[in-house]
Every structure is written in structure tokens, then in C-alpha cells.
Protein backbone atom coordinates (compact mmCIF):
# COMPACT_ATOMS: atom_id res chain seq x y z
CA MET A 1 114.41 206.17 4.82
CA GLN A 2 115.82 207.96 1.81
CA PRO A 3 119.51 208.54 1.10
CA ARG A 4 120.74 211.56 2.98
CA ARG A 5 122.71 214.28 1.27
CA MET A 6 126.33 213.69 2.23
CA ASP A 7 129.58 215.08 0.89
CA TRP A 8 132.69 213.27 2.10
CA VAL A 9 136.31 213.26 0.98
CA ILE A 10 138.11 209.97 1.56
CA ALA A 11 141.69 209.40 0.46
CA GLY A 12 141.51 212.47 -1.79
CA LYS A 13 138.31 211.41 -3.58
CA ARG A 14 134.99 213.22 -3.17
CA TYR A 15 131.84 211.17 -2.63
CA ARG A 16 128.57 213.10 -2.95
CA THR A 17 125.24 211.35 -2.71
CA ASP A 18 123.40 214.19 -4.47
CA LYS A 19 125.68 214.01 -7.54
CA SER A 20 125.86 210.21 -7.75
CA THR A 21 123.55 207.55 -9.14
CA LEU A 22 121.67 205.39 -6.64
CA LEU A 23 122.09 201.77 -7.77
CA ALA A 24 120.39 199.77 -5.01
CA HIS A 25 119.26 199.97 -1.38
CA ASP A 26 117.45 198.13 1.40
CA ALA A 27 114.89 200.81 2.32
CA TYR A 28 111.89 198.65 1.52
CA TRP A 29 108.67 198.20 3.48
CA ASN A 30 108.95 195.12 5.70
CA ASN A 31 105.39 195.37 7.05
CA TYR A 32 106.71 197.46 9.92
CA ASN A 33 108.94 200.22 8.57
CA ARG A 34 111.64 200.97 5.97
CA GLU A 35 114.56 200.92 8.40
CA GLN A 36 115.95 197.41 8.59
CA ASN A 37 116.75 197.05 12.31
CA GLY A 38 117.18 200.83 12.44
CA ARG A 39 119.70 200.91 9.61
CA ASN A 40 119.74 201.31 5.84
CA THR A 41 122.38 200.85 3.15
CA PHE A 42 122.46 202.69 -0.18
CA LEU A 43 124.83 201.80 -3.03
CA PHE A 44 126.00 204.60 -5.36
CA ARG A 45 128.19 205.19 -8.42
CA THR A 46 129.85 208.58 -8.90
CA ARG A 47 130.03 210.35 -12.25
CA ASN A 48 133.65 209.15 -12.47
CA GLY A 49 132.62 205.54 -11.89
CA HIS A 50 133.72 205.22 -8.27
CA LEU A 51 131.50 203.02 -6.13
CA PHE A 52 130.52 203.67 -2.54
CA ALA A 53 128.00 202.73 0.11
CA GLN A 54 126.16 205.11 2.38
CA TYR A 55 125.26 203.59 5.74
CA GLN A 56 122.49 205.30 7.72
CA SER A 57 121.26 204.62 11.22
CA VAL A 58 118.52 205.94 13.47
CA LEU A 59 119.96 204.14 16.49
CA PRO A 60 121.42 206.12 19.40
CA GLY A 61 125.20 206.29 19.34
CA GLU A 62 125.51 205.39 15.67
CA SER A 63 126.25 207.90 12.92
CA ASP A 64 125.87 207.87 9.15
CA SER A 65 128.93 207.10 7.05
CA ILE A 66 130.22 206.58 3.54
CA LYS A 67 132.60 203.78 2.54
CA PRO A 68 134.36 203.49 -0.84
CA LEU A 69 133.99 200.05 -2.42
CA THR A 70 135.87 197.97 -4.94
CA THR A 71 133.87 196.69 -7.90
CA ASP A 72 133.70 193.21 -6.36
CA GLN A 73 132.49 194.60 -3.02
CA ALA A 74 129.88 196.74 -4.80
CA ILE A 75 128.64 193.78 -6.86
CA ASP A 76 128.27 191.66 -3.71
CA LEU A 77 126.43 194.51 -1.99
CA TYR A 78 124.22 195.09 -5.05
CA HIS A 79 123.10 191.45 -4.98
CA SER A 80 122.42 191.57 -1.23
CA LEU A 81 120.23 194.70 -1.36
CA MET A 82 116.50 194.15 -1.88
CA GLU A 83 115.63 197.21 -4.01
CA LYS A 84 117.43 197.67 -7.33
CA GLU A 85 117.15 201.15 -8.84
CA VAL A 86 118.97 200.21 -12.06
CA PRO A 87 119.57 196.83 -13.75
CA PHE A 88 122.91 195.10 -13.18
CA VAL A 89 124.14 195.77 -16.75
CA ILE A 90 123.63 199.51 -16.23
CA ALA A 91 125.00 199.54 -12.68
CA PHE A 92 128.14 197.66 -13.72
CA PRO A 93 128.56 198.26 -17.48
CA CYS A 94 132.09 196.86 -17.75
CA THR A 95 131.34 193.65 -15.83
CA PRO A 96 130.39 190.53 -17.74
CA VAL A 97 127.21 188.86 -16.55
CA LYS A 98 127.87 185.34 -15.28
CA GLU A 99 125.74 182.60 -16.78
CA ALA A 100 124.01 180.31 -14.28
């Protein structure tokens, strides 16, 4: 599954997948398909630095959606998603990297 083109306005802010940078996702091949239990999650950053997730589903009765995220929520989601499109330091340029 690839990110779908979506254009949503939430709380007065516009979130457009086609104008945002894809940071990470879980649409990887699991030896069966790219839909993880019929669903996929894509993490984006807008040109203005707002973070959001696009949730997609192929399951009956479920619809695609977009959810704005705080930086902390986006970082947690970034770490949980299997496929990284950009390195952490580029995805979150103002966030210090924690030493292990």
C-alpha cells in the first residue's frame, strides 16, 4: 500500500499528503502482503513542520483518516514504524538525539 492522496482540514490546519514529506511507514513486505492486518500507517511532516499520521485500511467498515500528532507522539510512532524514509535527525531536526 502506498500513501493515498488526502487533503484534510483539522482545527483550522490543512494536512495534505501530496505536499508533505513522508517520514516513515509500515507498508513493508511481510512475506504475505504490504498491508499489516489490512491496515497501514504513514507518518508525515508538512512544509510548516506540523506532524500527522495517515491511517489506511482495506477492511470493510473502516475508512482512511488523518490525525495530527504532537512531536512526542510522532517520535514514538516513527520508532514503531518499520520503514524509515528519512533519518531521525532529518525527520526531527530540532530534537536532540538521546544517547543510549
